[in-house]
Amino acid sequence: MVCNKFKLSNTKMRLRKKSKRIEKPLFLFPEKRKKEFMPKKIYNVYSSKYKLSCGAIIFNLDRGVPYYLLLKYPTYWGYVKGEVEPGETEEQTINRESAEEAGMYDLNILPHFRETQHYFYRFQGDLIRKDAVYFIARTYSWKVKISHEHENYKWCTYDQAMELMKVRANRELLTKAHLFLHEYCKQKKLF
């Protein structure tokens, strides 16, 4: 028994010595240390300009399956969205933008869904902080008349839309909207 305890304690000592041996070269060569993460730039939120946009995830139902309207911007697929003008409510902005960008005038905004995306971008040398508020809205029309801002449009099922969209924030937004819509339709069928 004494021998076994000695062997165990002896191996523990060797392991401790080995771990110390590994640490020493790292301190001798500081360039081999793990570098701490430092952001490239730290943005000052208070010195940036602020903009607010509102958008809608527009859908229509065909035999109980939701089809989402996606608009092709020059670099990505997205939703109807635009800046809030002074004195305008979020719902008024959505109705105006859907009329301008997609030629839709019959939107019904569903209650209890409101998601916000926060991001920064540079425009003409100025740092701009932007919040984009999204709602989910139903239309009864399949006709779309796109504006000059867009290249194309598509009515897509959830899976088709997830394949088309490459922007992660828009994909997450569609997933939240799809789950909300699924629960909303289940509750409506109960009444």
N, C-alpha and C. Protein backbone atom coordinates (compact mmCIF):
# COMPACT_ATOMS: atom_id res chain seq x y z
N MET A 1 0.81 -1.20 0.00
CA MET A 1 0.00 0.00 0.00
C MET A 1 0.85 1.27 0.00
N VAL A 2 1.90 1.24 0.74
CA VAL A 2 2.77 2.40 0.82
C VAL A 2 3.37 2.68 -0.55
N CYS A 3 3.72 1.63 -1.25
CA CYS A 3 4.32 1.80 -2.57
C CYS A 3 3.34 2.43 -3.55
N ASN A 4 2.07 2.00 -3.49
CA ASN A 4 1.07 2.56 -4.40
C ASN A 4 0.86 4.05 -4.14
N LYS A 5 0.81 4.42 -2.86
CA LYS A 5 0.63 5.84 -2.54
C LYS A 5 1.83 6.64 -3.01
N PHE A 6 2.99 6.07 -2.85
CA PHE A 6 4.19 6.76 -3.28
C PHE A 6 4.18 6.94 -4.80
N LYS A 7 3.78 5.88 -5.51
CA LYS A 7 3.74 5.97 -6.97
C LYS A 7 2.73 7.03 -7.43
N LEU A 8 1.57 7.04 -6.79
CA LEU A 8 0.56 8.03 -7.17
C LEU A 8 1.04 9.45 -6.91
N SER A 9 1.61 9.64 -5.73
CA SER A 9 2.07 10.98 -5.42
C SER A 9 3.25 11.37 -6.31
N ASN A 10 4.08 10.41 -6.65
CA ASN A 10 5.22 10.66 -7.52
C ASN A 10 4.75 11.05 -8.93
N THR A 11 3.73 10.38 -9.45
CA THR A 11 3.22 10.73 -10.78
C THR A 11 2.56 12.11 -10.76
N LYS A 12 1.87 12.43 -9.65
CA LYS A 12 1.28 13.76 -9.54
C LYS A 12 2.35 14.84 -9.57
N MET A 13 3.45 14.59 -8.90
CA MET A 13 4.56 15.55 -8.88
C MET A 13 5.12 15.73 -10.28
N ARG A 14 5.26 14.62 -11.01
CA ARG A 14 5.79 14.71 -12.37
C ARG A 14 4.85 15.52 -13.26
N LEU A 15 3.54 15.29 -13.11
CA LEU A 15 2.58 16.03 -13.91
C LEU A 15 2.65 17.53 -13.60
N ARG A 16 2.78 17.85 -12.34
CA ARG A 16 2.89 19.26 -11.96
C ARG A 16 4.15 19.88 -12.57
N LYS A 17 5.25 19.14 -12.50
CA LYS A 17 6.50 19.65 -13.07
C LYS A 17 6.37 19.83 -14.58
N LYS A 18 5.70 18.89 -15.24
CA LYS A 18 5.52 18.99 -16.69
C LYS A 18 4.68 20.22 -17.05
N SER A 19 3.62 20.45 -16.27
CA SER A 19 2.79 21.61 -16.58
C SER A 19 3.56 22.91 -16.38
N LYS A 20 4.44 22.94 -15.38
CA LYS A 20 5.26 24.14 -15.17
C LYS A 20 6.26 24.32 -16.29
N ARG A 21 6.77 23.21 -16.81
CA ARG A 21 7.71 23.29 -17.91
C ARG A 21 7.06 23.88 -19.16
N ILE A 22 5.81 23.57 -19.37
CA ILE A 22 5.10 24.07 -20.55
C ILE A 22 4.87 25.58 -20.43
N GLU A 23 4.57 26.04 -19.23
CA GLU A 23 4.28 27.45 -19.05
C GLU A 23 5.52 28.34 -19.21
N LYS A 24 6.68 27.87 -18.80
CA LYS A 24 7.88 28.71 -18.81
C LYS A 24 8.23 29.23 -20.20
N PRO A 25 8.25 28.40 -21.24
CA PRO A 25 8.64 28.95 -22.54
C PRO A 25 7.68 30.04 -23.04
N LEU A 26 6.41 29.98 -22.66
CA LEU A 26 5.48 31.01 -23.09
C LEU A 26 5.85 32.37 -22.49
N PHE A 27 6.34 32.36 -21.26
CA PHE A 27 6.72 33.63 -20.66
C PHE A 27 8.07 34.12 -21.18
N LEU A 28 8.91 33.19 -21.62
CA LEU A 28 10.19 33.59 -22.18
C LEU A 28 10.03 34.20 -23.57
N PHE A 29 8.99 33.74 -24.30
CA PHE A 29 8.74 34.24 -25.64
C PHE A 29 7.38 34.92 -25.66
N PRO A 30 7.33 36.23 -25.37
CA PRO A 30 6.03 36.91 -25.26
C PRO A 30 5.24 36.92 -26.57
N GLU A 31 5.91 36.80 -27.72
CA GLU A 31 5.17 36.81 -28.98
C GLU A 31 4.33 35.55 -29.16
N LYS A 32 4.63 34.49 -28.38
CA LYS A 32 3.87 33.26 -28.51
C LYS A 32 2.65 33.23 -27.59
N ARG A 33 2.49 34.23 -26.75
CA ARG A 33 1.32 34.28 -25.88
C ARG A 33 0.07 34.48 -26.71
N LYS A 34 -1.05 34.05 -26.16
CA LYS A 34 -2.31 34.30 -26.83
C LYS A 34 -2.59 35.80 -26.81
N LYS A 35 -2.92 36.32 -27.97
CA LYS A 35 -3.22 37.74 -28.04
C LYS A 35 -4.65 37.98 -27.57
N GLU A 36 -4.84 39.04 -26.82
CA GLU A 36 -6.18 39.39 -26.36
C GLU A 36 -6.97 40.00 -27.49
N PHE A 37 -8.25 39.74 -27.50
CA PHE A 37 -9.11 40.29 -28.55
C PHE A 37 -9.29 41.78 -28.32
N MET A 38 -8.98 42.54 -29.33
CA MET A 38 -9.19 43.99 -29.29
C MET A 38 -9.99 44.38 -30.53
N PRO A 39 -11.11 45.04 -30.36
CA PRO A 39 -11.87 45.45 -31.55
C PRO A 39 -11.06 46.45 -32.37
N LYS A 40 -11.29 46.41 -33.68
CA LYS A 40 -10.54 47.30 -34.57
C LYS A 40 -10.86 48.75 -34.26
N LYS A 41 -12.14 49.04 -34.08
CA LYS A 41 -12.55 50.40 -33.75
C LYS A 41 -13.62 50.35 -32.68
N ILE A 42 -13.57 51.30 -31.80
CA ILE A 42 -14.61 51.43 -30.79
C ILE A 42 -15.48 52.60 -31.21
N TYR A 43 -16.76 52.32 -31.45
CA TYR A 43 -17.67 53.36 -31.91
C TYR A 43 -18.25 54.12 -30.73
N ASN A 44 -18.26 55.42 -30.85
CA ASN A 44 -18.88 56.25 -29.84
C ASN A 44 -20.34 56.44 -30.23
N VAL A 45 -21.22 55.78 -29.50
CA VAL A 45 -22.64 55.80 -29.83
C VAL A 45 -23.21 57.21 -29.76
N TYR A 46 -22.70 58.02 -28.84
CA TYR A 46 -23.29 59.34 -28.62
C TYR A 46 -22.87 60.35 -29.67
N SER A 47 -21.76 60.11 -30.37
CA SER A 47 -21.34 61.07 -31.39
C SER A 47 -21.87 60.70 -32.77
N SER A 48 -22.56 59.56 -32.88
CA SER A 48 -23.07 59.14 -34.19
C SER A 48 -24.48 59.70 -34.41
N LYS A 49 -24.84 59.79 -35.67
CA LYS A 49 -26.20 60.20 -36.02
C LYS A 49 -27.12 59.01 -35.85
N TYR A 50 -28.41 59.30 -35.67
CA TYR A 50 -29.38 58.23 -35.43
C TYR A 50 -30.47 58.27 -36.50
N LYS A 51 -30.82 57.09 -37.00
CA LYS A 51 -31.91 56.97 -37.96
C LYS A 51 -32.81 55.81 -37.54
N LEU A 52 -34.10 55.97 -37.82
CA LEU A 52 -35.08 54.93 -37.50
C LEU A 52 -35.78 54.53 -38.78
N SER A 53 -35.82 53.23 -39.01
CA SER A 53 -36.55 52.69 -40.17
C SER A 53 -37.61 51.73 -39.67
N CYS A 54 -38.64 51.58 -40.49
CA CYS A 54 -39.68 50.60 -40.19
C CYS A 54 -39.89 49.74 -41.43
N GLY A 55 -40.13 48.47 -41.19
CA GLY A 55 -40.35 47.55 -42.29
C GLY A 55 -41.39 46.52 -41.93
N ALA A 56 -41.75 45.73 -42.93
CA ALA A 56 -42.76 44.70 -42.72
C ALA A 56 -42.37 43.42 -43.42
N ILE A 57 -42.60 42.33 -42.75
CA ILE A 57 -42.50 41.02 -43.37
C ILE A 57 -43.90 40.73 -43.89
N ILE A 58 -44.07 40.87 -45.18
CA ILE A 58 -45.39 40.74 -45.79
C ILE A 58 -45.60 39.29 -46.22
N PHE A 59 -46.79 38.77 -45.91
CA PHE A 59 -47.10 37.39 -46.29
C PHE A 59 -48.51 37.31 -46.84
N ASN A 60 -48.75 36.23 -47.56
CA ASN A 60 -50.07 35.88 -48.06
C ASN A 60 -50.22 34.38 -47.89
N LEU A 61 -51.43 33.92 -47.66
CA LEU A 61 -51.66 32.49 -47.45
C LEU A 61 -52.22 31.85 -48.71
N ASP A 62 -51.71 30.66 -49.02
CA ASP A 62 -52.24 29.85 -50.10
C ASP A 62 -52.43 28.45 -49.55
N ARG A 63 -53.71 28.06 -49.36
CA ARG A 63 -54.07 26.75 -48.78
C ARG A 63 -53.41 26.54 -47.42
N GLY A 64 -53.38 27.59 -46.63
CA GLY A 64 -52.84 27.50 -45.28
C GLY A 64 -51.34 27.63 -45.18
N VAL A 65 -50.64 27.75 -46.31
CA VAL A 65 -49.18 27.88 -46.30
C VAL A 65 -48.81 29.34 -46.51
N PRO A 66 -48.02 29.92 -45.60
CA PRO A 66 -47.63 31.33 -45.78
C PRO A 66 -46.54 31.48 -46.84
N TYR A 67 -46.74 32.45 -47.71
CA TYR A 67 -45.74 32.85 -48.70
C TYR A 67 -45.29 34.25 -48.35
N TYR A 68 -43.97 34.43 -48.23
CA TYR A 68 -43.39 35.70 -47.81
C TYR A 68 -42.89 36.48 -49.03
N LEU A 69 -43.09 37.77 -49.01
CA LEU A 69 -42.62 38.64 -50.08
C LEU A 69 -41.19 39.07 -49.79
N LEU A 70 -40.28 38.73 -50.71
CA LEU A 70 -38.89 39.15 -50.61
C LEU A 70 -38.57 40.08 -51.78
N LEU A 71 -37.88 41.16 -51.48
CA LEU A 71 -37.48 42.13 -52.50
C LEU A 71 -35.97 42.02 -52.69
N LYS A 72 -35.54 42.06 -53.95
CA LYS A 72 -34.11 41.97 -54.27
C LYS A 72 -33.51 43.36 -54.31
N TYR A 73 -32.69 43.65 -53.31
CA TYR A 73 -31.90 44.88 -53.29
C TYR A 73 -30.64 44.60 -54.11
N PRO A 74 -29.82 45.60 -54.41
CA PRO A 74 -28.63 45.34 -55.23
C PRO A 74 -27.69 44.26 -54.66
N THR A 75 -27.60 44.12 -53.34
CA THR A 75 -26.65 43.17 -52.77
C THR A 75 -27.28 42.06 -51.93
N TYR A 76 -28.58 42.13 -51.66
CA TYR A 76 -29.19 41.12 -50.79
C TYR A 76 -30.70 41.06 -51.02
N TRP A 77 -31.31 39.99 -50.51
CA TRP A 77 -32.78 39.86 -50.49
C TRP A 77 -33.26 40.34 -49.13
N GLY A 78 -34.33 41.13 -49.13
CA GLY A 78 -34.84 41.66 -47.87
C GLY A 78 -36.33 41.92 -47.92
N TYR A 79 -36.77 42.80 -47.03
CA TYR A 79 -38.19 43.10 -46.86
C TYR A 79 -38.47 44.55 -47.23
N VAL A 80 -39.73 44.90 -47.24
CA VAL A 80 -40.14 46.29 -47.43
C VAL A 80 -39.68 47.06 -46.20
N LYS A 81 -38.96 48.17 -46.44
CA LYS A 81 -38.41 48.93 -45.31
C LYS A 81 -38.11 50.35 -45.77
N GLY A 82 -38.27 51.30 -44.86
CA GLY A 82 -37.94 52.68 -45.17
C GLY A 82 -37.84 53.52 -43.91
N GLU A 83 -37.25 54.71 -44.06
CA GLU A 83 -37.06 55.59 -42.91
C GLU A 83 -38.36 56.27 -42.50
N VAL A 84 -38.49 56.46 -41.20
CA VAL A 84 -39.65 57.14 -40.63
C VAL A 84 -39.49 58.64 -40.88
N GLU A 85 -40.49 59.24 -41.46
CA GLU A 85 -40.45 60.68 -41.69
C GLU A 85 -40.99 61.41 -40.46
N PRO A 86 -40.62 62.68 -40.26
CA PRO A 86 -41.09 63.42 -39.08
C PRO A 86 -42.62 63.47 -39.00
N GLY A 87 -43.14 63.20 -37.81
CA GLY A 87 -44.58 63.24 -37.59
C GLY A 87 -45.31 61.99 -38.04
N GLU A 88 -44.60 60.96 -38.40
CA GLU A 88 -45.20 59.73 -38.92
C GLU A 88 -45.08 58.62 -37.89
N THR A 89 -46.13 57.81 -37.76
CA THR A 89 -46.07 56.66 -36.85
C THR A 89 -45.41 55.48 -37.58
N GLU A 90 -45.09 54.45 -36.83
CA GLU A 90 -44.47 53.26 -37.43
C GLU A 90 -45.41 52.59 -38.42
N GLU A 91 -46.69 52.49 -38.08
CA GLU A 91 -47.66 51.85 -38.97
C GLU A 91 -47.85 52.67 -40.26
N GLN A 92 -47.86 53.98 -40.13
CA GLN A 92 -47.98 54.83 -41.32
C GLN A 92 -46.76 54.66 -42.23
N THR A 93 -45.59 54.53 -41.62
CA THR A 93 -44.37 54.31 -42.41
C THR A 93 -44.45 53.00 -43.18
N ILE A 94 -44.93 51.96 -42.53
CA ILE A 94 -45.04 50.66 -43.20
C ILE A 94 -46.01 50.74 -44.37
N ASN A 95 -47.15 51.36 -44.16
CA ASN A 95 -48.13 51.48 -45.24
C ASN A 95 -47.58 52.32 -46.40
N ARG A 96 -46.90 53.42 -46.10
CA ARG A 96 -46.32 54.25 -47.15
C ARG A 96 -45.24 53.51 -47.92
N GLU A 97 -44.34 52.85 -47.19
CA GLU A 97 -43.25 52.13 -47.84
C GLU A 97 -43.74 50.94 -48.66
N SER A 98 -44.75 50.25 -48.18
CA SER A 98 -45.27 49.11 -48.96
C SER A 98 -45.94 49.60 -50.24
N ALA A 99 -46.57 50.77 -50.18
CA ALA A 99 -47.17 51.34 -51.38
C ALA A 99 -46.09 51.80 -52.36
N GLU A 100 -45.02 52.43 -51.84
CA GLU A 100 -43.95 52.93 -52.69
C GLU A 100 -43.10 51.81 -53.29
N GLU A 101 -42.70 50.85 -52.45
CA GLU A 101 -41.74 49.84 -52.88
C GLU A 101 -42.37 48.62 -53.54
N ALA A 102 -43.60 48.28 -53.16
CA ALA A 102 -44.20 47.06 -53.69
C ALA A 102 -45.56 47.29 -54.34
N GLY A 103 -46.09 48.50 -54.27
CA GLY A 103 -47.40 48.77 -54.87
C GLY A 103 -48.54 48.10 -54.13
N MET A 104 -48.41 47.91 -52.82
CA MET A 104 -49.44 47.23 -52.02
C MET A 104 -50.10 48.25 -51.09
N TYR A 105 -51.43 48.22 -51.11
CA TYR A 105 -52.20 49.19 -50.31
C TYR A 105 -53.11 48.52 -49.29
N ASP A 106 -53.13 47.20 -49.24
CA ASP A 106 -54.12 46.49 -48.41
C ASP A 106 -53.48 45.71 -47.26
N LEU A 107 -52.50 46.27 -46.59
CA LEU A 107 -51.81 45.54 -45.52
C LEU A 107 -52.62 45.53 -44.23
N ASN A 108 -52.65 44.37 -43.60
CA ASN A 108 -53.21 44.22 -42.25
C ASN A 108 -52.06 43.84 -41.33
N ILE A 109 -51.67 44.75 -40.44
CA ILE A 109 -50.55 44.51 -39.53
C ILE A 109 -51.06 43.68 -38.35
N LEU A 110 -50.38 42.54 -38.11
CA LEU A 110 -50.79 41.67 -37.01
C LEU A 110 -50.29 42.24 -35.69
N PRO A 111 -51.11 42.16 -34.66
CA PRO A 111 -50.68 42.70 -33.36
C PRO A 111 -49.68 41.77 -32.66
N HIS A 112 -48.94 42.33 -31.74
CA HIS A 112 -48.03 41.62 -30.83
C HIS A 112 -46.76 41.09 -31.47
N PHE A 113 -46.42 41.55 -32.66
CA PHE A 113 -45.12 41.20 -33.25
C PHE A 113 -44.39 42.50 -33.58
N ARG A 114 -43.26 42.70 -32.93
CA ARG A 114 -42.43 43.89 -33.17
C ARG A 114 -40.99 43.52 -32.84
N GLU A 115 -40.16 43.44 -33.85
CA GLU A 115 -38.75 43.09 -33.66
C GLU A 115 -37.87 44.23 -34.16
N THR A 116 -36.75 44.45 -33.47
CA THR A 116 -35.86 45.55 -33.82
C THR A 116 -34.46 45.03 -34.13
N GLN A 117 -33.88 45.53 -35.22
CA GLN A 117 -32.48 45.26 -35.55
C GLN A 117 -31.69 46.54 -35.30
N HIS A 118 -30.53 46.40 -34.67
CA HIS A 118 -29.66 47.54 -34.38
C HIS A 118 -28.35 47.35 -35.15
N TYR A 119 -27.91 48.39 -35.85
CA TYR A 119 -26.62 48.29 -36.53
C TYR A 119 -26.05 49.67 -36.81
N PHE A 120 -24.76 49.67 -37.18
CA PHE A 120 -24.03 50.89 -37.54
C PHE A 120 -23.60 50.79 -39.00
N TYR A 121 -23.48 51.93 -39.66
CA TYR A 121 -22.88 51.98 -40.99
C TYR A 121 -22.32 53.38 -41.22
N ARG A 122 -21.49 53.49 -42.23
CA ARG A 122 -20.90 54.78 -42.58
C ARG A 122 -21.53 55.28 -43.86
N PHE A 123 -21.86 56.58 -43.87
CA PHE A 123 -22.41 57.21 -45.06
C PHE A 123 -21.79 58.59 -45.19
N GLN A 124 -21.07 58.81 -46.27
CA GLN A 124 -20.38 60.08 -46.53
C GLN A 124 -19.49 60.49 -45.37
N GLY A 125 -18.77 59.54 -44.81
CA GLY A 125 -17.83 59.81 -43.73
C GLY A 125 -18.45 59.89 -42.35
N ASP A 126 -19.77 59.89 -42.24
CA ASP A 126 -20.43 59.97 -40.94
C ASP A 126 -20.80 58.57 -40.46
N LEU A 127 -20.64 58.35 -39.16
CA LEU A 127 -21.07 57.12 -38.55
C LEU A 127 -22.55 57.25 -38.20
N ILE A 128 -23.35 56.28 -38.65
CA ILE A 128 -24.79 56.34 -38.42
C ILE A 128 -25.23 55.11 -37.66
N ARG A 129 -25.95 55.35 -36.58
CA ARG A 129 -26.55 54.27 -35.79
C ARG A 129 -27.99 54.15 -36.23
N LYS A 130 -28.40 52.92 -36.60
CA LYS A 130 -29.73 52.75 -37.15
C LYS A 130 -30.47 51.64 -36.43
N ASP A 131 -31.74 51.89 -36.17
CA ASP A 131 -32.66 50.88 -35.65
C ASP A 131 -33.70 50.62 -36.73
N ALA A 132 -33.89 49.35 -37.04
CA ALA A 132 -34.92 48.97 -38.01
C ALA A 132 -35.97 48.15 -37.28
N VAL A 133 -37.19 48.66 -37.22
CA VAL A 133 -38.29 48.00 -36.51
C VAL A 133 -39.13 47.27 -37.55
N TYR A 134 -39.38 45.99 -37.29
CA TYR A 134 -40.14 45.17 -38.23
C TYR A 134 -41.43 44.67 -37.61
N PHE A 135 -42.46 44.66 -38.43
CA PHE A 135 -43.76 44.10 -38.08
C PHE A 135 -44.07 42.99 -39.08
N ILE A 136 -45.11 42.23 -38.81
CA ILE A 136 -45.57 41.24 -39.76
C ILE A 136 -46.94 41.68 -40.25
N ALA A 137 -47.14 41.62 -41.57
CA ALA A 137 -48.37 42.14 -42.16
C ALA A 137 -48.88 41.17 -43.22
N ARG A 138 -50.20 41.05 -43.28
CA ARG A 138 -50.82 40.19 -44.28
C ARG A 138 -51.42 41.02 -45.41
N THR A 139 -51.27 40.50 -46.62
CA THR A 139 -51.91 41.09 -47.77
C THR A 139 -52.79 40.03 -48.43
N TYR A 140 -53.79 40.47 -49.18
CA TYR A 140 -54.67 39.53 -49.88
C TYR A 140 -54.41 39.57 -51.38
N SER A 141 -53.40 40.30 -51.79
CA SER A 141 -53.08 40.47 -53.20
C SER A 141 -51.74 39.81 -53.51
N TRP A 142 -51.64 39.20 -54.69
CA TRP A 142 -50.38 38.62 -55.13
C TRP A 142 -49.63 39.55 -56.08
N LYS A 143 -50.29 40.65 -56.48
CA LYS A 143 -49.68 41.58 -57.43
C LYS A 143 -48.67 42.46 -56.71
N VAL A 144 -47.50 42.58 -57.32
CA VAL A 144 -46.43 43.42 -56.77
C VAL A 144 -45.89 44.29 -57.88
N LYS A 145 -45.73 45.57 -57.57
CA LYS A 145 -45.12 46.50 -58.52
C LYS A 145 -43.91 47.11 -57.82
N ILE A 146 -42.71 46.63 -58.17
CA ILE A 146 -41.51 47.06 -57.45
C ILE A 146 -41.06 48.44 -57.90
N SER A 147 -40.37 49.12 -57.01
CA SER A 147 -39.86 50.47 -57.29
C SER A 147 -38.50 50.37 -57.97
N HIS A 148 -37.92 51.52 -58.26
CA HIS A 148 -36.60 51.58 -58.89
C HIS A 148 -35.48 51.11 -57.96
N GLU A 149 -35.76 51.05 -56.63
CA GLU A 149 -34.74 50.63 -55.66
C GLU A 149 -34.44 49.13 -55.75
N HIS A 150 -35.37 48.38 -56.31
CA HIS A 150 -35.27 46.92 -56.29
C HIS A 150 -35.08 46.36 -57.69
N GLU A 151 -34.46 45.18 -57.73
CA GLU A 151 -34.20 44.52 -59.00
C GLU A 151 -35.25 43.46 -59.32
N ASN A 152 -35.81 42.84 -58.30
CA ASN A 152 -36.74 41.74 -58.50
C ASN A 152 -37.54 41.51 -57.22
N TYR A 153 -38.52 40.62 -57.28
CA TYR A 153 -39.27 40.20 -56.10
C TYR A 153 -39.64 38.73 -56.25
N LYS A 154 -39.93 38.09 -55.11
CA LYS A 154 -40.37 36.69 -55.13
C LYS A 154 -41.30 36.44 -53.96
N TRP A 155 -42.32 35.62 -54.21
CA TRP A 155 -43.15 35.08 -53.15
C TRP A 155 -42.54 33.72 -52.81
N CYS A 156 -42.13 33.52 -51.58
CA CYS A 156 -41.41 32.30 -51.18
C CYS A 156 -42.03 31.67 -49.95
N THR A 157 -41.95 30.36 -49.90
CA THR A 157 -42.26 29.67 -48.65
C THR A 157 -41.11 29.94 -47.69
N TYR A 158 -41.27 29.48 -46.47
CA TYR A 158 -40.22 29.71 -45.47
C TYR A 158 -38.89 29.10 -45.92
N ASP A 159 -38.91 27.86 -46.37
CA ASP A 159 -37.68 27.17 -46.76
C ASP A 159 -37.02 27.85 -47.97
N GLN A 160 -37.81 28.24 -48.95
CA GLN A 160 -37.26 28.91 -50.13
C GLN A 160 -36.63 30.26 -49.74
N ALA A 161 -37.29 30.97 -48.84
CA ALA A 161 -36.77 32.27 -48.40
C ALA A 161 -35.46 32.11 -47.64
N MET A 162 -35.36 31.08 -46.82
CA MET A 162 -34.13 30.86 -46.07
C MET A 162 -32.96 30.53 -47.00
N GLU A 163 -33.24 29.88 -48.12
CA GLU A 163 -32.18 29.59 -49.09
C GLU A 163 -31.75 30.86 -49.82
N LEU A 164 -32.69 31.74 -50.12
CA LEU A 164 -32.38 32.96 -50.87
C LEU A 164 -31.60 33.98 -50.04
N MET A 165 -32.02 34.17 -48.79
CA MET A 165 -31.44 35.24 -47.96
C MET A 165 -30.09 34.82 -47.40
N LYS A 166 -29.15 35.72 -47.48
CA LYS A 166 -27.80 35.47 -46.98
C LYS A 166 -27.48 36.28 -45.72
N VAL A 167 -28.23 37.34 -45.46
CA VAL A 167 -27.99 38.18 -44.28
C VAL A 167 -28.57 37.46 -43.06
N ARG A 168 -27.69 37.16 -42.09
CA ARG A 168 -28.10 36.37 -40.93
C ARG A 168 -29.22 37.03 -40.13
N ALA A 169 -29.15 38.35 -39.95
CA ALA A 169 -30.17 39.05 -39.16
C ALA A 169 -31.54 38.93 -39.83
N ASN A 170 -31.59 38.99 -41.15
CA ASN A 170 -32.87 38.84 -41.86
C ASN A 170 -33.38 37.42 -41.78
N ARG A 171 -32.48 36.45 -41.81
CA ARG A 171 -32.89 35.05 -41.67
C ARG A 171 -33.48 34.80 -40.27
N GLU A 172 -32.82 35.34 -39.24
CA GLU A 172 -33.33 35.18 -37.87
C GLU A 172 -34.68 35.86 -37.71
N LEU A 173 -34.83 37.01 -38.34
CA LEU A 173 -36.09 37.74 -38.29
C LEU A 173 -37.21 36.94 -38.93
N LEU A 174 -36.93 36.33 -40.07
CA LEU A 174 -37.94 35.51 -40.74
C LEU A 174 -38.31 34.30 -39.90
N THR A 175 -37.35 33.71 -39.23
CA THR A 175 -37.63 32.56 -38.37
C THR A 175 -38.55 32.97 -37.23
N LYS A 176 -38.28 34.11 -36.60
CA LYS A 176 -39.15 34.59 -35.53
C LYS A 176 -40.56 34.87 -36.04
N ALA A 177 -40.64 35.49 -37.22
CA ALA A 177 -41.95 35.81 -37.80
C ALA A 177 -42.71 34.53 -38.15
N HIS A 178 -42.01 33.56 -38.69
CA HIS A 178 -42.65 32.30 -39.09
C HIS A 178 -43.20 31.56 -37.87
N LEU A 179 -42.42 31.51 -36.80
CA LEU A 179 -42.89 30.86 -35.57
C LEU A 179 -44.07 31.61 -34.96
N PHE A 180 -43.99 32.95 -34.97
CA PHE A 180 -45.09 33.75 -34.46
C PHE A 180 -46.36 33.50 -35.27
N LEU A 181 -46.22 33.47 -36.58
CA LEU A 181 -47.36 33.27 -37.47
C LEU A 181 -47.98 31.89 -37.26
N HIS A 182 -47.14 30.90 -37.04
CA HIS A 182 -47.62 29.54 -36.77
C HIS A 182 -48.47 29.51 -35.50
N GLU A 183 -47.97 30.14 -34.44
CA GLU A 183 -48.73 30.19 -33.17
C GLU A 183 -49.98 31.05 -33.32
N TYR A 184 -49.89 32.14 -34.04
CA TYR A 184 -51.02 33.04 -34.24
C TYR A 184 -52.16 32.31 -34.97
N CYS A 185 -51.80 31.55 -35.99
CA CYS A 185 -52.83 30.80 -36.75
C CYS A 185 -53.46 29.70 -35.89
N LYS A 186 -52.68 29.07 -35.04
CA LYS A 186 -53.25 28.04 -34.14
C LYS A 186 -54.24 28.66 -33.18
N GLN A 187 -53.92 29.83 -32.64
CA GLN A 187 -54.82 30.50 -31.70
C GLN A 187 -56.08 30.98 -32.38
N LYS A 188 -55.97 31.45 -33.61
CA LYS A 188 -57.14 31.93 -34.33
C LYS A 188 -58.11 30.79 -34.63
N LYS A 189 -57.59 29.57 -34.87
CA LYS A 189 -58.44 28.44 -35.16
C LYS A 189 -59.23 27.99 -33.94
N LEU A 190 -58.72 28.30 -32.74
CA LEU A 190 -59.40 27.91 -31.52
C LEU A 190 -60.68 28.72 -31.30
N PHE A 191 -60.72 29.95 -31.79
CA PHE A 191 -61.87 30.83 -31.53
C PHE A 191 -62.92 30.73 -32.61
